Amino acid sequence: TYVINQYFQSNKEFSSKLTDTQTLSTNSFQVQSNIVSLNQIGNNNEIDIKQKGADSQKINQIGNNNYYIFINYYNSTPSNFNIIQQGNSNNLQIYGENSIIKNIGIIQKSDFNTLIIKNY
């Protein structure tokens, strides 16, 4: 929670430092909001999200030892994911993004399963 608050605070400080004399082209620079909603119920659940650009994700982990990772450095559009992991020791890994998984919802109700999605 502390790291997330520091990230949003640095974005707020950056936007407040912009003055009227500075001109930014909308083609080269866009400020987009990041929304990540996390709900973890259980023990030893882990979420690791690394993305350059906008992000909109809703993640629910219900159970123990669940792991979710999303890595995307090259896409600046919001991902709009809705992820639910219910059970124990589930593993969901998503690398990259394309139009096929845009606005995707994944429900993983099981124990000891792994789902890996690679978009290149």
N, C-alpha and C. Protein backbone atom coordinates (compact mmCIF):
# COMPACT_ATOMS: atom_id res chain seq x y z
N THR A 1 0.83 -1.19 0.00
CA THR A 1 0.00 0.00 0.00
C THR A 1 0.87 1.25 0.00
N TYR A 2 1.95 1.24 0.76
CA TYR A 2 2.84 2.40 0.82
C TYR A 2 3.44 2.70 -0.55
N VAL A 3 3.90 1.65 -1.27
CA VAL A 3 4.50 1.84 -2.59
C VAL A 3 3.48 2.39 -3.58
N ILE A 4 2.28 1.86 -3.54
CA ILE A 4 1.23 2.34 -4.44
C ILE A 4 0.92 3.80 -4.17
N ASN A 5 0.81 4.18 -2.89
CA ASN A 5 0.55 5.58 -2.55
C ASN A 5 1.68 6.49 -3.01
N GLN A 6 2.93 6.03 -2.88
CA GLN A 6 4.07 6.83 -3.34
C GLN A 6 4.03 7.03 -4.85
N TYR A 7 3.64 5.99 -5.59
CA TYR A 7 3.54 6.10 -7.04
C TYR A 7 2.52 7.15 -7.45
N PHE A 8 1.33 7.11 -6.85
CA PHE A 8 0.30 8.07 -7.19
C PHE A 8 0.68 9.47 -6.73
N GLN A 9 1.38 9.58 -5.61
CA GLN A 9 1.82 10.89 -5.13
C GLN A 9 2.83 11.49 -6.09
N SER A 10 3.76 10.68 -6.65
CA SER A 10 4.74 11.21 -7.59
C SER A 10 4.07 11.66 -8.88
N ASN A 11 3.04 10.95 -9.34
CA ASN A 11 2.30 11.39 -10.52
C ASN A 11 1.59 12.71 -10.26
N LYS A 12 1.03 12.88 -9.08
CA LYS A 12 0.34 14.10 -8.72
C LYS A 12 1.33 15.27 -8.66
N GLU A 13 2.51 15.04 -8.10
CA GLU A 13 3.52 16.09 -8.00
C GLU A 13 4.00 16.49 -9.40
N PHE A 14 4.18 15.52 -10.29
CA PHE A 14 4.62 15.82 -11.65
C PHE A 14 3.60 16.69 -12.37
N SER A 15 2.34 16.34 -12.28
CA SER A 15 1.31 17.10 -12.99
C SER A 15 1.16 18.50 -12.40
N SER A 16 1.41 18.66 -11.09
CA SER A 16 1.28 19.99 -10.50
C SER A 16 2.46 20.88 -10.85
N LYS A 17 3.60 20.31 -11.28
CA LYS A 17 4.77 21.10 -11.64
C LYS A 17 4.68 21.67 -13.06
N LEU A 18 3.77 21.17 -13.85
CA LEU A 18 3.62 21.69 -15.21
C LEU A 18 3.05 23.11 -15.15
N THR A 19 3.62 24.00 -15.91
CA THR A 19 3.14 25.38 -15.92
C THR A 19 2.49 25.68 -17.25
N ASP A 20 1.84 26.85 -17.33
CA ASP A 20 1.18 27.24 -18.56
C ASP A 20 2.17 27.49 -19.68
N THR A 21 3.43 27.79 -19.36
CA THR A 21 4.41 28.07 -20.40
C THR A 21 4.95 26.80 -21.05
N GLN A 22 4.73 25.65 -20.42
CA GLN A 22 5.19 24.40 -21.00
C GLN A 22 4.10 23.84 -21.90
N THR A 23 4.46 23.49 -23.12
CA THR A 23 3.50 22.96 -24.08
C THR A 23 3.82 21.49 -24.33
N LEU A 24 2.80 20.65 -24.19
CA LEU A 24 2.96 19.23 -24.45
C LEU A 24 2.07 18.84 -25.62
N SER A 25 2.64 18.15 -26.57
CA SER A 25 1.87 17.67 -27.71
C SER A 25 1.06 16.46 -27.29
N THR A 26 -0.21 16.43 -27.65
CA THR A 26 -1.05 15.29 -27.27
C THR A 26 -0.65 14.04 -28.04
N ASN A 27 0.07 14.19 -29.16
CA ASN A 27 0.52 13.02 -29.90
C ASN A 27 1.71 12.33 -29.23
N SER A 28 2.52 13.08 -28.50
CA SER A 28 3.71 12.49 -27.92
C SER A 28 3.59 12.23 -26.42
N PHE A 29 2.61 12.83 -25.75
CA PHE A 29 2.52 12.67 -24.31
C PHE A 29 1.06 12.71 -23.90
N GLN A 30 0.64 11.68 -23.20
CA GLN A 30 -0.72 11.65 -22.70
C GLN A 30 -0.69 11.22 -21.24
N VAL A 31 -1.41 11.91 -20.40
CA VAL A 31 -1.54 11.52 -19.01
C VAL A 31 -2.84 10.74 -18.88
N GLN A 32 -2.72 9.50 -18.45
CA GLN A 32 -3.89 8.65 -18.28
C GLN A 32 -3.91 8.15 -16.84
N SER A 33 -5.09 7.92 -16.34
CA SER A 33 -5.20 7.48 -14.96
C SER A 33 -4.98 5.97 -14.88
N ASN A 34 -4.41 5.54 -13.78
CA ASN A 34 -4.20 4.13 -13.51
C ASN A 34 -5.15 3.72 -12.40
N ILE A 35 -5.89 2.66 -12.63
CA ILE A 35 -6.82 2.15 -11.62
C ILE A 35 -6.55 0.66 -11.46
N VAL A 36 -6.11 0.29 -10.27
CA VAL A 36 -5.89 -1.11 -9.95
C VAL A 36 -6.62 -1.38 -8.65
N SER A 37 -7.58 -2.29 -8.69
CA SER A 37 -8.36 -2.65 -7.51
C SER A 37 -7.95 -4.05 -7.07
N LEU A 38 -7.46 -4.16 -5.84
CA LEU A 38 -6.98 -5.44 -5.32
C LEU A 38 -7.84 -5.87 -4.14
N ASN A 39 -8.25 -7.13 -4.14
CA ASN A 39 -8.99 -7.70 -3.02
C ASN A 39 -8.40 -9.07 -2.74
N GLN A 40 -7.70 -9.20 -1.63
CA GLN A 40 -7.07 -10.46 -1.28
C GLN A 40 -7.64 -10.96 0.03
N ILE A 41 -8.19 -12.17 -0.01
CA ILE A 41 -8.72 -12.81 1.19
C ILE A 41 -8.01 -14.15 1.31
N GLY A 42 -7.15 -14.28 2.30
CA GLY A 42 -6.39 -15.50 2.48
C GLY A 42 -4.97 -15.16 2.89
N ASN A 43 -4.12 -16.17 2.86
CA ASN A 43 -2.74 -16.02 3.29
C ASN A 43 -1.78 -16.22 2.11
N ASN A 44 -0.69 -15.46 2.12
CA ASN A 44 0.41 -15.62 1.16
C ASN A 44 -0.01 -15.43 -0.29
N ASN A 45 -0.98 -14.59 -0.56
CA ASN A 45 -1.35 -14.26 -1.93
C ASN A 45 -0.41 -13.18 -2.44
N GLU A 46 -0.11 -13.21 -3.74
CA GLU A 46 0.84 -12.25 -4.30
C GLU A 46 0.35 -11.75 -5.65
N ILE A 47 0.48 -10.43 -5.87
CA ILE A 47 0.12 -9.81 -7.13
C ILE A 47 1.30 -8.97 -7.57
N ASP A 48 1.72 -9.12 -8.82
CA ASP A 48 2.86 -8.38 -9.37
C ASP A 48 2.46 -7.81 -10.72
N ILE A 49 2.25 -6.50 -10.79
CA ILE A 49 1.83 -5.84 -12.02
C ILE A 49 2.92 -4.87 -12.45
N LYS A 50 3.40 -5.02 -13.67
CA LYS A 50 4.42 -4.12 -14.21
C LYS A 50 3.94 -3.68 -15.58
N GLN A 51 3.60 -2.43 -15.71
CA GLN A 51 3.14 -1.92 -17.00
C GLN A 51 3.56 -0.47 -17.15
N LYS A 52 3.98 -0.15 -18.35
CA LYS A 52 4.30 1.22 -18.70
C LYS A 52 3.09 1.76 -19.46
N GLY A 53 2.42 2.71 -18.86
CA GLY A 53 1.22 3.26 -19.50
C GLY A 53 0.02 3.12 -18.59
N ALA A 54 -1.14 3.30 -19.17
CA ALA A 54 -2.38 3.26 -18.40
C ALA A 54 -2.71 1.82 -18.01
N ASP A 55 -3.45 1.70 -16.94
CA ASP A 55 -3.81 0.38 -16.46
C ASP A 55 -5.14 0.44 -15.75
N SER A 56 -5.98 -0.54 -16.00
CA SER A 56 -7.25 -0.66 -15.31
C SER A 56 -7.49 -2.14 -15.08
N GLN A 57 -7.32 -2.56 -13.83
CA GLN A 57 -7.47 -3.96 -13.51
C GLN A 57 -8.21 -4.12 -12.19
N LYS A 58 -9.01 -5.17 -12.13
CA LYS A 58 -9.70 -5.54 -10.90
C LYS A 58 -9.32 -6.98 -10.61
N ILE A 59 -8.64 -7.20 -9.47
CA ILE A 59 -8.13 -8.51 -9.13
C ILE A 59 -8.68 -8.94 -7.79
N ASN A 60 -9.26 -10.15 -7.74
CA ASN A 60 -9.75 -10.75 -6.50
C ASN A 60 -9.03 -12.08 -6.31
N GLN A 61 -8.39 -12.25 -5.17
CA GLN A 61 -7.77 -13.52 -4.83
C GLN A 61 -8.40 -14.02 -3.53
N ILE A 62 -9.05 -15.16 -3.61
CA ILE A 62 -9.73 -15.74 -2.46
C ILE A 62 -9.15 -17.13 -2.26
N GLY A 63 -8.43 -17.31 -1.20
CA GLY A 63 -7.75 -18.57 -0.93
C GLY A 63 -6.34 -18.29 -0.45
N ASN A 64 -5.51 -19.29 -0.49
CA ASN A 64 -4.14 -19.18 0.00
C ASN A 64 -3.13 -19.47 -1.11
N ASN A 65 -1.99 -18.78 -1.05
CA ASN A 65 -0.86 -19.02 -1.94
C ASN A 65 -1.18 -18.83 -3.41
N ASN A 66 -2.05 -17.88 -3.74
CA ASN A 66 -2.35 -17.58 -5.14
C ASN A 66 -1.37 -16.53 -5.64
N TYR A 67 -1.06 -16.59 -6.94
CA TYR A 67 -0.08 -15.68 -7.54
C TYR A 67 -0.62 -15.17 -8.88
N TYR A 68 -0.54 -13.85 -9.07
CA TYR A 68 -0.95 -13.23 -10.33
C TYR A 68 0.15 -12.27 -10.77
N ILE A 69 0.57 -12.37 -12.03
CA ILE A 69 1.55 -11.45 -12.59
C ILE A 69 1.08 -10.97 -13.94
N PHE A 70 1.25 -9.67 -14.18
CA PHE A 70 0.95 -9.07 -15.48
C PHE A 70 2.12 -8.16 -15.84
N ILE A 71 2.75 -8.44 -16.96
CA ILE A 71 3.89 -7.64 -17.42
C ILE A 71 3.59 -7.15 -18.83
N ASN A 72 3.65 -5.83 -19.01
CA ASN A 72 3.42 -5.23 -20.33
C ASN A 72 4.11 -3.88 -20.36
N TYR A 73 5.20 -3.77 -21.11
CA TYR A 73 5.95 -2.52 -21.16
C TYR A 73 5.72 -1.72 -22.45
N TYR A 74 5.06 -2.30 -23.43
CA TYR A 74 5.01 -1.67 -24.74
C TYR A 74 3.64 -1.17 -25.16
N ASN A 75 2.64 -1.35 -24.36
CA ASN A 75 1.30 -0.93 -24.72
C ASN A 75 0.85 0.15 -23.74
N SER A 76 0.34 1.25 -24.24
CA SER A 76 -0.06 2.34 -23.36
C SER A 76 -1.58 2.46 -23.21
N THR A 77 -2.33 1.52 -23.74
CA THR A 77 -3.78 1.56 -23.59
C THR A 77 -4.19 0.78 -22.35
N PRO A 78 -5.28 1.15 -21.73
CA PRO A 78 -5.73 0.42 -20.52
C PRO A 78 -6.03 -1.04 -20.83
N SER A 79 -5.68 -1.91 -19.90
CA SER A 79 -5.89 -3.34 -20.12
C SER A 79 -7.31 -3.78 -19.79
N ASN A 80 -7.96 -3.14 -18.84
CA ASN A 80 -9.35 -3.47 -18.48
C ASN A 80 -9.54 -4.95 -18.19
N PHE A 81 -8.76 -5.48 -17.28
CA PHE A 81 -8.86 -6.89 -16.90
C PHE A 81 -9.72 -7.03 -15.66
N ASN A 82 -10.43 -8.16 -15.58
CA ASN A 82 -11.16 -8.55 -14.38
C ASN A 82 -10.74 -9.98 -14.06
N ILE A 83 -9.93 -10.13 -13.01
CA ILE A 83 -9.33 -11.41 -12.67
C ILE A 83 -9.88 -11.89 -11.32
N ILE A 84 -10.32 -13.17 -11.28
CA ILE A 84 -10.74 -13.79 -10.03
C ILE A 84 -10.00 -15.11 -9.89
N GLN A 85 -9.27 -15.24 -8.80
CA GLN A 85 -8.62 -16.50 -8.46
C GLN A 85 -9.25 -17.00 -7.18
N GLN A 86 -9.89 -18.14 -7.24
CA GLN A 86 -10.56 -18.70 -6.07
C GLN A 86 -10.06 -20.12 -5.88
N GLY A 87 -9.45 -20.38 -4.76
CA GLY A 87 -8.87 -21.68 -4.47
C GLY A 87 -7.50 -21.50 -3.86
N ASN A 88 -6.71 -22.53 -3.90
CA ASN A 88 -5.39 -22.50 -3.27
C ASN A 88 -4.29 -22.81 -4.29
N SER A 89 -3.19 -22.08 -4.17
CA SER A 89 -1.97 -22.32 -4.96
C SER A 89 -2.22 -22.24 -6.46
N ASN A 90 -3.01 -21.27 -6.89
CA ASN A 90 -3.21 -21.03 -8.32
C ASN A 90 -2.19 -20.02 -8.81
N ASN A 91 -1.85 -20.11 -10.07
CA ASN A 91 -0.83 -19.26 -10.67
C ASN A 91 -1.35 -18.76 -12.01
N LEU A 92 -1.44 -17.44 -12.18
CA LEU A 92 -1.87 -16.84 -13.44
C LEU A 92 -0.81 -15.85 -13.88
N GLN A 93 -0.28 -16.03 -15.08
CA GLN A 93 0.77 -15.16 -15.61
C GLN A 93 0.34 -14.66 -16.99
N ILE A 94 0.37 -13.33 -17.17
CA ILE A 94 0.04 -12.73 -18.45
C ILE A 94 1.21 -11.85 -18.86
N TYR A 95 1.77 -12.12 -20.04
CA TYR A 95 2.89 -11.37 -20.57
C TYR A 95 2.46 -10.69 -21.86
N GLY A 96 2.49 -9.37 -21.89
CA GLY A 96 2.11 -8.62 -23.08
C GLY A 96 0.60 -8.53 -23.22
N GLU A 97 0.21 -7.78 -24.24
CA GLU A 97 -1.22 -7.57 -24.46
C GLU A 97 -1.47 -7.35 -25.95
N ASN A 98 -2.60 -7.84 -26.41
CA ASN A 98 -3.05 -7.59 -27.78
C ASN A 98 -4.56 -7.46 -27.78
N SER A 99 -5.14 -7.27 -28.96
CA SER A 99 -6.58 -7.03 -29.06
C SER A 99 -7.41 -8.26 -28.66
N ILE A 100 -6.83 -9.43 -28.71
CA ILE A 100 -7.58 -10.65 -28.37
C ILE A 100 -7.94 -10.68 -26.89
N ILE A 101 -7.06 -10.20 -26.02
CA ILE A 101 -7.35 -10.25 -24.59
C ILE A 101 -7.81 -8.92 -24.02
N LYS A 102 -8.07 -7.95 -24.88
CA LYS A 102 -8.56 -6.66 -24.39
C LYS A 102 -9.91 -6.86 -23.69
N ASN A 103 -10.07 -6.26 -22.53
CA ASN A 103 -11.29 -6.35 -21.72
C ASN A 103 -11.61 -7.78 -21.28
N ILE A 104 -10.58 -8.57 -21.05
CA ILE A 104 -10.78 -9.98 -20.72
C ILE A 104 -11.17 -10.15 -19.25
N GLY A 105 -11.95 -11.17 -18.99
CA GLY A 105 -12.27 -11.58 -17.63
C GLY A 105 -11.83 -13.02 -17.46
N ILE A 106 -11.04 -13.30 -16.43
CA ILE A 106 -10.55 -14.66 -16.17
C ILE A 106 -11.01 -15.07 -14.78
N ILE A 107 -11.67 -16.22 -14.71
CA ILE A 107 -12.09 -16.78 -13.43
C ILE A 107 -11.37 -18.12 -13.29
N GLN A 108 -10.52 -18.21 -12.29
CA GLN A 108 -9.74 -19.42 -12.05
C GLN A 108 -10.20 -20.01 -10.72
N LYS A 109 -11.14 -20.96 -10.78
CA LYS A 109 -11.67 -21.61 -9.58
C LYS A 109 -11.12 -23.04 -9.55
N SER A 110 -10.04 -23.21 -8.81
CA SER A 110 -9.41 -24.53 -8.74
C SER A 110 -8.35 -24.50 -7.67
N ASP A 111 -7.60 -25.57 -7.57
CA ASP A 111 -6.45 -25.66 -6.68
C ASP A 111 -5.26 -26.16 -7.50
N PHE A 112 -4.09 -25.59 -7.24
CA PHE A 112 -2.83 -26.05 -7.81
C PHE A 112 -2.81 -26.04 -9.34
N ASN A 113 -3.37 -25.01 -9.96
CA ASN A 113 -3.35 -24.91 -11.43
C ASN A 113 -2.58 -23.67 -11.86
N THR A 114 -2.01 -23.73 -13.06
CA THR A 114 -1.26 -22.63 -13.64
C THR A 114 -1.80 -22.32 -15.02
N LEU A 115 -2.00 -21.02 -15.29
CA LEU A 115 -2.40 -20.54 -16.60
C LEU A 115 -1.40 -19.46 -17.02
N ILE A 116 -0.76 -19.66 -18.18
CA ILE A 116 0.22 -18.71 -18.69
C ILE A 116 -0.26 -18.23 -20.05
N ILE A 117 -0.39 -16.89 -20.20
CA ILE A 117 -0.81 -16.28 -21.46
C ILE A 117 0.33 -15.41 -21.95
N LYS A 118 0.85 -15.70 -23.14
CA LYS A 118 1.95 -14.91 -23.72
C LYS A 118 1.46 -14.28 -25.01
N ASN A 119 1.55 -12.96 -25.06
CA ASN A 119 1.14 -12.20 -26.24
C ASN A 119 2.37 -11.48 -26.79
N TYR A 120 2.82 -11.90 -27.97
CA TYR A 120 3.99 -11.26 -28.57
C TYR A 120 3.64 -10.71 -29.92
